[in-house]
Amino acid sequence: MDPLSIAASVITVVAAAGTVAKHLEELRNTLQHAPDVLNSLVNEVLDLRMVLEACDSAVHELHRDTHQAINGTPLADAVQILHRIKRYLGELDSLISACLDDSANASGIFKTARLRWVKVRNKAEKIQQQLRDSKQDFLMLIESQSVSAVSGMQIAVQEIS
């Protein structure tokens, strides 16, 4: 698995996170005084997006600096985690989009959105935890790959000396 595959997967997931964040912001604006859970969810998705962008840069940097093939297994695992994150974001987006149905008139949008949010809140919280766990898995995998590459560079330097 090459870093370009990781980059493509990260870009796809970052785009999905951006869409979900936009819909969460719409729901938060619609509900006016958004519940803390919704604010926390917005922050979680935005944080996930920042982490993925940083990890994408780290993978490129790591690959460029090591001048060696990166072990494919951890990167393949990273792609699986990214697919899982994308699936969770899709589920969350479906829930949020259902809360934002535009069929109600202007005065009924708030009530309709609030009622729909109350119905999906528990599912959204569960997805939030799944996203948090997956983000942590992804970070640990990238970190372990970085440590492995640094160890390899140290061995190469010792051999040269």
N, C-alpha and C. Protein backbone atom coordinates (compact mmCIF):
# COMPACT_ATOMS: atom_id res chain seq x y z
N MET A 1 0.86 -1.17 0.00
CA MET A 1 0.00 0.00 0.00
C MET A 1 0.90 1.23 0.00
N ASP A 2 0.73 2.06 -0.98
CA ASP A 2 1.60 3.23 -1.09
C ASP A 2 0.94 4.46 -0.44
N PRO A 3 1.74 5.46 -0.12
CA PRO A 3 1.22 6.66 0.52
C PRO A 3 0.17 7.39 -0.31
N LEU A 4 0.23 7.24 -1.63
CA LEU A 4 -0.78 7.89 -2.46
C LEU A 4 -2.17 7.31 -2.22
N SER A 5 -2.23 6.01 -1.96
CA SER A 5 -3.52 5.38 -1.63
C SER A 5 -4.06 5.93 -0.32
N ILE A 6 -3.16 6.10 0.64
CA ILE A 6 -3.57 6.69 1.91
C ILE A 6 -4.06 8.11 1.67
N ALA A 7 -3.32 8.87 0.88
CA ALA A 7 -3.69 10.26 0.60
C ALA A 7 -5.07 10.34 -0.05
N ALA A 8 -5.32 9.46 -1.01
CA ALA A 8 -6.62 9.46 -1.68
C ALA A 8 -7.74 9.13 -0.69
N SER A 9 -7.49 8.15 0.17
CA SER A 9 -8.50 7.79 1.17
C SER A 9 -8.73 8.93 2.16
N VAL A 10 -7.64 9.56 2.58
CA VAL A 10 -7.76 10.67 3.53
C VAL A 10 -8.54 11.82 2.90
N ILE A 11 -8.24 12.15 1.65
CA ILE A 11 -8.94 13.24 0.98
C ILE A 11 -10.43 12.95 0.89
N THR A 12 -10.78 11.72 0.58
CA THR A 12 -12.19 11.33 0.51
C THR A 12 -12.87 11.49 1.86
N VAL A 13 -12.20 11.04 2.91
CA VAL A 13 -12.79 11.11 4.25
C VAL A 13 -12.85 12.55 4.74
N VAL A 14 -11.84 13.35 4.43
CA VAL A 14 -11.85 14.77 4.81
C VAL A 14 -13.02 15.48 4.13
N ALA A 15 -13.26 15.16 2.86
CA ALA A 15 -14.40 15.76 2.15
C ALA A 15 -15.72 15.35 2.80
N ALA A 16 -15.83 14.08 3.17
CA ALA A 16 -17.05 13.61 3.85
C ALA A 16 -17.22 14.31 5.19
N ALA A 17 -16.12 14.48 5.92
CA ALA A 17 -16.18 15.18 7.21
C ALA A 17 -16.61 16.63 7.01
N GLY A 18 -16.14 17.25 5.94
CA GLY A 18 -16.55 18.62 5.64
C GLY A 18 -18.04 18.73 5.37
N THR A 19 -18.58 17.78 4.63
CA THR A 19 -20.01 17.76 4.35
C THR A 19 -20.82 17.57 5.63
N VAL A 20 -20.39 16.63 6.45
CA VAL A 20 -21.09 16.38 7.72
C VAL A 20 -21.01 17.61 8.61
N ALA A 21 -19.85 18.23 8.69
CA ALA A 21 -19.69 19.43 9.51
C ALA A 21 -20.63 20.54 9.04
N LYS A 22 -20.76 20.68 7.73
CA LYS A 22 -21.66 21.69 7.17
C LYS A 22 -23.11 21.41 7.58
N HIS A 23 -23.53 20.16 7.48
CA HIS A 23 -24.90 19.81 7.86
C HIS A 23 -25.12 19.96 9.37
N LEU A 24 -24.10 19.62 10.16
CA LEU A 24 -24.21 19.82 11.60
C LEU A 24 -24.35 21.30 11.94
N GLU A 25 -23.61 22.14 11.24
CA GLU A 25 -23.72 23.59 11.45
C GLU A 25 -25.12 24.08 11.08
N GLU A 26 -25.66 23.57 9.99
CA GLU A 26 -27.02 23.94 9.58
C GLU A 26 -28.02 23.55 10.66
N LEU A 27 -27.88 22.34 11.18
CA LEU A 27 -28.79 21.89 12.23
C LEU A 27 -28.61 22.73 13.48
N ARG A 28 -27.38 23.03 13.82
CA ARG A 28 -27.12 23.85 15.01
C ARG A 28 -27.74 25.23 14.85
N ASN A 29 -27.63 25.82 13.66
CA ASN A 29 -28.25 27.13 13.40
C ASN A 29 -29.76 27.05 13.42
N THR A 30 -30.30 25.96 12.90
CA THR A 30 -31.76 25.77 12.88
C THR A 30 -32.31 25.65 14.29
N LEU A 31 -31.59 24.93 15.13
CA LEU A 31 -32.06 24.72 16.50
C LEU A 31 -31.81 25.92 17.41
N GLN A 32 -31.15 26.93 16.92
CA GLN A 32 -30.84 28.17 17.64
C GLN A 32 -29.99 27.90 18.87
N HIS A 33 -30.56 27.44 19.93
CA HIS A 33 -29.80 27.13 21.15
C HIS A 33 -29.51 25.63 21.12
N ALA A 34 -28.43 25.30 20.44
CA ALA A 34 -28.11 23.89 20.20
C ALA A 34 -27.77 23.17 21.50
N PRO A 35 -28.22 21.93 21.60
CA PRO A 35 -27.86 21.13 22.77
C PRO A 35 -26.34 20.90 22.81
N ASP A 36 -25.81 20.70 24.00
CA ASP A 36 -24.38 20.47 24.17
C ASP A 36 -23.89 19.29 23.34
N VAL A 37 -24.72 18.27 23.23
CA VAL A 37 -24.33 17.08 22.45
C VAL A 37 -24.06 17.46 21.00
N LEU A 38 -24.89 18.31 20.45
CA LEU A 38 -24.71 18.73 19.06
C LEU A 38 -23.44 19.56 18.91
N ASN A 39 -23.18 20.46 19.84
CA ASN A 39 -21.94 21.23 19.81
C ASN A 39 -20.72 20.32 19.90
N SER A 40 -20.79 19.33 20.77
CA SER A 40 -19.71 18.37 20.93
C SER A 40 -19.49 17.57 19.65
N LEU A 41 -20.57 17.21 19.00
CA LEU A 41 -20.49 16.46 17.75
C LEU A 41 -19.84 17.29 16.64
N VAL A 42 -20.21 18.55 16.56
CA VAL A 42 -19.59 19.45 15.58
C VAL A 42 -18.08 19.51 15.83
N ASN A 43 -17.71 19.70 17.09
CA ASN A 43 -16.29 19.78 17.44
C ASN A 43 -15.55 18.49 17.12
N GLU A 44 -16.19 17.36 17.37
CA GLU A 44 -15.57 16.06 17.10
C GLU A 44 -15.29 15.87 15.61
N VAL A 45 -16.25 16.23 14.77
CA VAL A 45 -16.08 16.07 13.33
C VAL A 45 -15.00 17.03 12.81
N LEU A 46 -15.00 18.26 13.30
CA LEU A 46 -13.97 19.21 12.88
C LEU A 46 -12.58 18.77 13.35
N ASP A 47 -12.51 18.23 14.56
CA ASP A 47 -11.24 17.73 15.08
C ASP A 47 -10.76 16.54 14.25
N LEU A 48 -11.66 15.66 13.90
CA LEU A 48 -11.32 14.51 13.06
C LEU A 48 -10.74 14.98 11.73
N ARG A 49 -11.37 15.97 11.17
CA ARG A 49 -10.91 16.52 9.89
C ARG A 49 -9.48 17.07 10.01
N MET A 50 -9.21 17.82 11.07
CA MET A 50 -7.86 18.36 11.27
C MET A 50 -6.83 17.26 11.46
N VAL A 51 -7.19 16.24 12.24
CA VAL A 51 -6.27 15.13 12.49
C VAL A 51 -5.95 14.40 11.19
N LEU A 52 -6.96 14.16 10.38
CA LEU A 52 -6.74 13.45 9.12
C LEU A 52 -5.84 14.26 8.18
N GLU A 53 -6.06 15.55 8.13
CA GLU A 53 -5.21 16.39 7.29
C GLU A 53 -3.76 16.37 7.78
N ALA A 54 -3.57 16.42 9.09
CA ALA A 54 -2.22 16.37 9.66
C ALA A 54 -1.57 15.01 9.40
N CYS A 55 -2.33 13.94 9.53
CA CYS A 55 -1.80 12.60 9.27
C CYS A 55 -1.43 12.42 7.81
N ASP A 56 -2.21 12.99 6.93
CA ASP A 56 -1.89 12.92 5.51
C ASP A 56 -0.54 13.57 5.25
N SER A 57 -0.32 14.72 5.84
CA SER A 57 0.98 15.39 5.70
C SER A 57 2.10 14.55 6.29
N ALA A 58 1.83 13.95 7.44
CA ALA A 58 2.85 13.13 8.11
C ALA A 58 3.23 11.91 7.27
N VAL A 59 2.26 11.27 6.65
CA VAL A 59 2.55 10.10 5.80
C VAL A 59 3.41 10.51 4.62
N HIS A 60 3.08 11.64 4.00
CA HIS A 60 3.89 12.11 2.87
C HIS A 60 5.31 12.45 3.33
N GLU A 61 5.42 13.12 4.45
CA GLU A 61 6.73 13.49 4.99
C GLU A 61 7.55 12.26 5.34
N LEU A 62 6.91 11.31 5.98
CA LEU A 62 7.58 10.08 6.38
C LEU A 62 8.10 9.33 5.16
N HIS A 63 7.26 9.21 4.16
CA HIS A 63 7.65 8.49 2.95
C HIS A 63 8.79 9.21 2.23
N ARG A 64 8.71 10.51 2.18
CA ARG A 64 9.74 11.30 1.49
C ARG A 64 11.08 11.22 2.21
N ASP A 65 11.05 11.30 3.55
CA ASP A 65 12.29 11.33 4.33
C ASP A 65 12.97 9.98 4.45
N THR A 66 12.22 8.90 4.41
CA THR A 66 12.84 7.59 4.63
C THR A 66 13.47 7.02 3.38
N HIS A 67 12.99 7.41 2.21
CA HIS A 67 13.51 6.89 0.94
C HIS A 67 13.50 5.36 0.92
N GLN A 68 12.55 4.80 1.59
CA GLN A 68 12.42 3.34 1.59
C GLN A 68 10.94 3.01 1.53
N ALA A 69 10.66 1.81 1.16
CA ALA A 69 9.26 1.39 1.08
C ALA A 69 8.69 1.32 2.49
N ILE A 70 7.51 1.84 2.62
CA ILE A 70 6.82 1.76 3.90
C ILE A 70 6.12 0.42 3.97
N ASN A 71 6.19 -0.21 5.11
CA ASN A 71 5.54 -1.50 5.30
C ASN A 71 4.06 -1.39 4.92
N GLY A 72 3.60 -2.24 4.02
CA GLY A 72 2.25 -2.14 3.49
C GLY A 72 1.14 -2.52 4.45
N THR A 73 1.43 -3.41 5.40
CA THR A 73 0.36 -3.88 6.29
C THR A 73 -0.24 -2.76 7.12
N PRO A 74 0.56 -1.94 7.82
CA PRO A 74 -0.06 -0.86 8.59
C PRO A 74 -0.82 0.12 7.72
N LEU A 75 -0.31 0.40 6.52
CA LEU A 75 -1.01 1.32 5.65
C LEU A 75 -2.32 0.72 5.15
N ALA A 76 -2.33 -0.57 4.88
CA ALA A 76 -3.58 -1.23 4.49
C ALA A 76 -4.57 -1.16 5.65
N ASP A 77 -4.07 -1.34 6.87
CA ASP A 77 -4.93 -1.21 8.05
C ASP A 77 -5.46 0.21 8.16
N ALA A 78 -4.62 1.19 7.85
CA ALA A 78 -5.04 2.59 7.91
C ALA A 78 -6.17 2.84 6.92
N VAL A 79 -6.06 2.27 5.74
CA VAL A 79 -7.12 2.44 4.74
C VAL A 79 -8.42 1.82 5.24
N GLN A 80 -8.33 0.66 5.90
CA GLN A 80 -9.54 0.05 6.47
C GLN A 80 -10.17 0.96 7.53
N ILE A 81 -9.34 1.55 8.37
CA ILE A 81 -9.86 2.47 9.39
C ILE A 81 -10.50 3.68 8.72
N LEU A 82 -9.88 4.19 7.67
CA LEU A 82 -10.45 5.33 6.95
C LEU A 82 -11.79 4.98 6.33
N HIS A 83 -11.91 3.78 5.79
CA HIS A 83 -13.20 3.35 5.23
C HIS A 83 -14.26 3.26 6.34
N ARG A 84 -13.85 2.78 7.49
CA ARG A 84 -14.77 2.69 8.63
C ARG A 84 -15.21 4.10 9.05
N ILE A 85 -14.27 5.03 9.11
CA ILE A 85 -14.61 6.41 9.47
C ILE A 85 -15.57 7.00 8.45
N LYS A 86 -15.31 6.74 7.18
CA LYS A 86 -16.20 7.26 6.13
C LYS A 86 -17.61 6.69 6.28
N ARG A 87 -17.69 5.41 6.63
CA ARG A 87 -19.01 4.79 6.83
C ARG A 87 -19.74 5.46 8.00
N TYR A 88 -19.02 5.70 9.10
CA TYR A 88 -19.64 6.37 10.25
C TYR A 88 -20.09 7.78 9.89
N LEU A 89 -19.26 8.49 9.13
CA LEU A 89 -19.64 9.84 8.71
C LEU A 89 -20.89 9.80 7.83
N GLY A 90 -20.98 8.80 6.96
CA GLY A 90 -22.18 8.65 6.13
C GLY A 90 -23.43 8.40 6.95
N GLU A 91 -23.30 7.55 7.97
CA GLU A 91 -24.43 7.28 8.86
C GLU A 91 -24.84 8.56 9.60
N LEU A 92 -23.86 9.29 10.08
CA LEU A 92 -24.14 10.53 10.80
C LEU A 92 -24.78 11.55 9.88
N ASP A 93 -24.28 11.65 8.66
CA ASP A 93 -24.84 12.60 7.71
C ASP A 93 -26.29 12.26 7.39
N SER A 94 -26.60 10.98 7.28
CA SER A 94 -27.99 10.57 7.04
C SER A 94 -28.90 10.99 8.18
N LEU A 95 -28.43 10.80 9.41
CA LEU A 95 -29.22 11.20 10.57
C LEU A 95 -29.46 12.71 10.59
N ILE A 96 -28.40 13.46 10.37
CA ILE A 96 -28.49 14.92 10.43
C ILE A 96 -29.34 15.44 9.28
N SER A 97 -29.15 14.90 8.09
CA SER A 97 -29.94 15.33 6.94
C SER A 97 -31.42 15.08 7.16
N ALA A 98 -31.75 13.99 7.82
CA ALA A 98 -33.15 13.69 8.12
C ALA A 98 -33.74 14.74 9.07
N CYS A 99 -32.92 15.31 9.92
CA CYS A 99 -33.39 16.36 10.83
C CYS A 99 -33.63 17.67 10.11
N LEU A 100 -33.01 17.84 8.96
CA LEU A 100 -33.06 19.11 8.23
C LEU A 100 -34.03 19.09 7.07
N ASP A 101 -35.04 18.27 7.12
CA ASP A 101 -36.03 18.20 6.04
C ASP A 101 -36.63 19.58 5.82
N ASP A 102 -36.62 20.04 4.57
CA ASP A 102 -37.10 21.38 4.24
C ASP A 102 -38.60 21.45 3.96
N SER A 103 -39.32 20.37 4.16
CA SER A 103 -40.73 20.36 3.79
C SER A 103 -41.60 21.17 4.75
N ALA A 104 -41.13 21.44 5.94
CA ALA A 104 -41.93 22.21 6.90
C ALA A 104 -41.88 23.69 6.54
N ASN A 105 -42.92 24.43 6.95
CA ASN A 105 -42.91 25.87 6.71
C ASN A 105 -41.94 26.53 7.69
N ALA A 106 -41.69 27.81 7.50
CA ALA A 106 -40.67 28.52 8.28
C ALA A 106 -40.90 28.42 9.79
N SER A 107 -42.14 28.52 10.22
CA SER A 107 -42.39 28.47 11.67
C SER A 107 -42.28 27.05 12.22
N GLY A 108 -42.45 26.06 11.37
CA GLY A 108 -42.41 24.68 11.84
C GLY A 108 -41.05 24.02 11.74
N ILE A 109 -40.11 24.68 11.07
CA ILE A 109 -38.78 24.07 10.88
C ILE A 109 -38.10 23.81 12.21
N PHE A 110 -38.14 24.79 13.10
CA PHE A 110 -37.48 24.64 14.40
C PHE A 110 -38.05 23.46 15.17
N LYS A 111 -39.38 23.40 15.27
CA LYS A 111 -40.02 22.32 16.03
C LYS A 111 -39.75 20.96 15.39
N THR A 112 -39.85 20.91 14.08
CA THR A 112 -39.62 19.65 13.37
C THR A 112 -38.17 19.19 13.55
N ALA A 113 -37.25 20.11 13.38
CA ALA A 113 -35.83 19.76 13.52
C ALA A 113 -35.52 19.32 14.94
N ARG A 114 -36.07 20.02 15.93
CA ARG A 114 -35.81 19.66 17.33
C ARG A 114 -36.36 18.27 17.63
N LEU A 115 -37.58 18.00 17.19
CA LEU A 115 -38.19 16.69 17.43
C LEU A 115 -37.37 15.59 16.76
N ARG A 116 -36.97 15.82 15.52
CA ARG A 116 -36.18 14.81 14.82
C ARG A 116 -34.82 14.62 15.48
N TRP A 117 -34.22 15.71 15.97
CA TRP A 117 -32.94 15.60 16.66
C TRP A 117 -33.07 14.76 17.92
N VAL A 118 -34.14 14.99 18.67
CA VAL A 118 -34.35 14.22 19.90
C VAL A 118 -34.43 12.73 19.58
N LYS A 119 -35.05 12.40 18.46
CA LYS A 119 -35.20 10.99 18.07
C LYS A 119 -33.87 10.34 17.68
N VAL A 120 -32.97 11.10 17.09
CA VAL A 120 -31.72 10.50 16.60
C VAL A 120 -30.51 10.79 17.50
N ARG A 121 -30.73 11.53 18.55
CA ARG A 121 -29.63 11.96 19.41
C ARG A 121 -28.78 10.78 19.92
N ASN A 122 -29.43 9.74 20.42
CA ASN A 122 -28.68 8.60 20.96
C ASN A 122 -27.84 7.92 19.89
N LYS A 123 -28.40 7.79 18.69
CA LYS A 123 -27.63 7.20 17.59
C LYS A 123 -26.44 8.09 17.23
N ALA A 124 -26.67 9.39 17.23
CA ALA A 124 -25.59 10.33 16.91
C ALA A 124 -24.48 10.26 17.95
N GLU A 125 -24.85 10.12 19.21
CA GLU A 125 -23.84 10.01 20.28
C GLU A 125 -23.03 8.72 20.12
N LYS A 126 -23.70 7.64 19.73
CA LYS A 126 -23.00 6.37 19.52
C LYS A 126 -22.01 6.50 18.36
N ILE A 127 -22.44 7.14 17.29
CA ILE A 127 -21.55 7.35 16.14
C ILE A 127 -20.39 8.26 16.54
N GLN A 128 -20.66 9.25 17.37
CA GLN A 128 -19.59 10.13 17.83
C GLN A 128 -18.50 9.33 18.54
N GLN A 129 -18.92 8.41 19.39
CA GLN A 129 -17.95 7.57 20.10
C GLN A 129 -17.19 6.67 19.13
N GLN A 130 -17.89 6.13 18.14
CA GLN A 130 -17.23 5.29 17.13
C GLN A 130 -16.21 6.10 16.33
N LEU A 131 -16.56 7.34 16.01
CA LEU A 131 -15.61 8.21 15.30
C LEU A 131 -14.39 8.50 16.16
N ARG A 132 -14.64 8.77 17.43
CA ARG A 132 -13.54 9.06 18.36
C ARG A 132 -12.60 7.85 18.47
N ASP A 133 -13.18 6.67 18.63
CA ASP A 133 -12.37 5.45 18.73
C ASP A 133 -11.58 5.19 17.45
N SER A 134 -12.22 5.37 16.32
CA SER A 134 -11.56 5.14 15.03
C SER A 134 -10.44 6.15 14.81
N LYS A 135 -10.68 7.39 15.21
CA LYS A 135 -9.64 8.42 15.09
C LYS A 135 -8.43 8.02 15.93
N GLN A 136 -8.68 7.52 17.13
CA GLN A 136 -7.59 7.08 18.01
C GLN A 136 -6.84 5.90 17.39
N ASP A 137 -7.58 4.95 16.82
CA ASP A 137 -6.94 3.81 16.14
C ASP A 137 -6.04 4.29 15.00
N PHE A 138 -6.55 5.22 14.23
CA PHE A 138 -5.80 5.75 13.09
C PHE A 138 -4.53 6.44 13.56
N LEU A 139 -4.66 7.27 14.59
CA LEU A 139 -3.50 7.98 15.13
C LEU A 139 -2.43 7.01 15.65
N MET A 140 -2.87 5.99 16.35
CA MET A 140 -1.92 5.01 16.89
C MET A 140 -1.18 4.28 15.77
N LEU A 141 -1.91 3.95 14.72
CA LEU A 141 -1.30 3.26 13.58
C LEU A 141 -0.26 4.14 12.89
N ILE A 142 -0.61 5.39 12.66
CA ILE A 142 0.32 6.32 12.02
C ILE A 142 1.53 6.57 12.93
N GLU A 143 1.28 6.70 14.22
CA GLU A 143 2.38 6.91 15.16
C GLU A 143 3.33 5.71 15.19
N SER A 144 2.77 4.51 15.21
CA SER A 144 3.63 3.32 15.22
C SER A 144 4.45 3.23 13.94
N GLN A 145 3.85 3.63 12.84
CA GLN A 145 4.57 3.63 11.56
C GLN A 145 5.71 4.65 11.60
N SER A 146 5.47 5.79 12.22
CA SER A 146 6.51 6.82 12.34
C SER A 146 7.66 6.33 13.20
N VAL A 147 7.35 5.69 14.31
CA VAL A 147 8.39 5.16 15.20
C VAL A 147 9.21 4.11 14.47
N SER A 148 8.55 3.27 13.73
CA SER A 148 9.24 2.23 12.96
C SER A 148 10.19 2.85 11.94
N ALA A 149 9.73 3.88 11.26
CA ALA A 149 10.58 4.54 10.26
C ALA A 149 11.77 5.23 10.91
N VAL A 150 11.55 5.87 12.05
CA VAL A 150 12.65 6.53 12.75
C VAL A 150 13.67 5.50 13.22
N SER A 151 13.20 4.38 13.72
CA SER A 151 14.12 3.31 14.14
C SER A 151 14.94 2.81 12.96
N GLY A 152 14.30 2.68 11.82
CA GLY A 152 15.00 2.25 10.61
C GLY A 152 16.06 3.26 10.19
N MET A 153 15.76 4.54 10.33
CA MET A 153 16.75 5.57 10.00
C MET A 153 17.92 5.53 10.97
N GLN A 154 17.65 5.29 12.25
CA GLN A 154 18.73 5.22 13.24
C GLN A 154 19.66 4.04 12.93
N ILE A 155 19.10 2.92 12.56
CA ILE A 155 19.92 1.75 12.21
C ILE A 155 20.76 2.05 10.98
N ALA A 156 20.17 2.71 9.99
CA ALA A 156 20.90 3.06 8.78
C ALA A 156 22.05 4.01 9.09
N VAL A 157 21.83 4.96 9.97
CA VAL A 157 22.88 5.91 10.36
C VAL A 157 23.99 5.18 11.10
N GLN A 158 23.64 4.24 11.97
CA GLN A 158 24.65 3.48 12.70
C GLN A 158 25.48 2.63 11.75
N GLU A 159 24.85 2.07 10.73
CA GLU A 159 25.58 1.25 9.76
C GLU A 159 26.55 2.10 8.95
N ILE A 160 26.17 3.33 8.67
CA ILE A 160 27.03 4.23 7.91
C ILE A 160 28.24 4.65 8.75
N SER A 161 27.99 4.84 10.05
CA SER A 161 29.06 5.31 10.95
C SER A 161 30.06 4.27 11.15
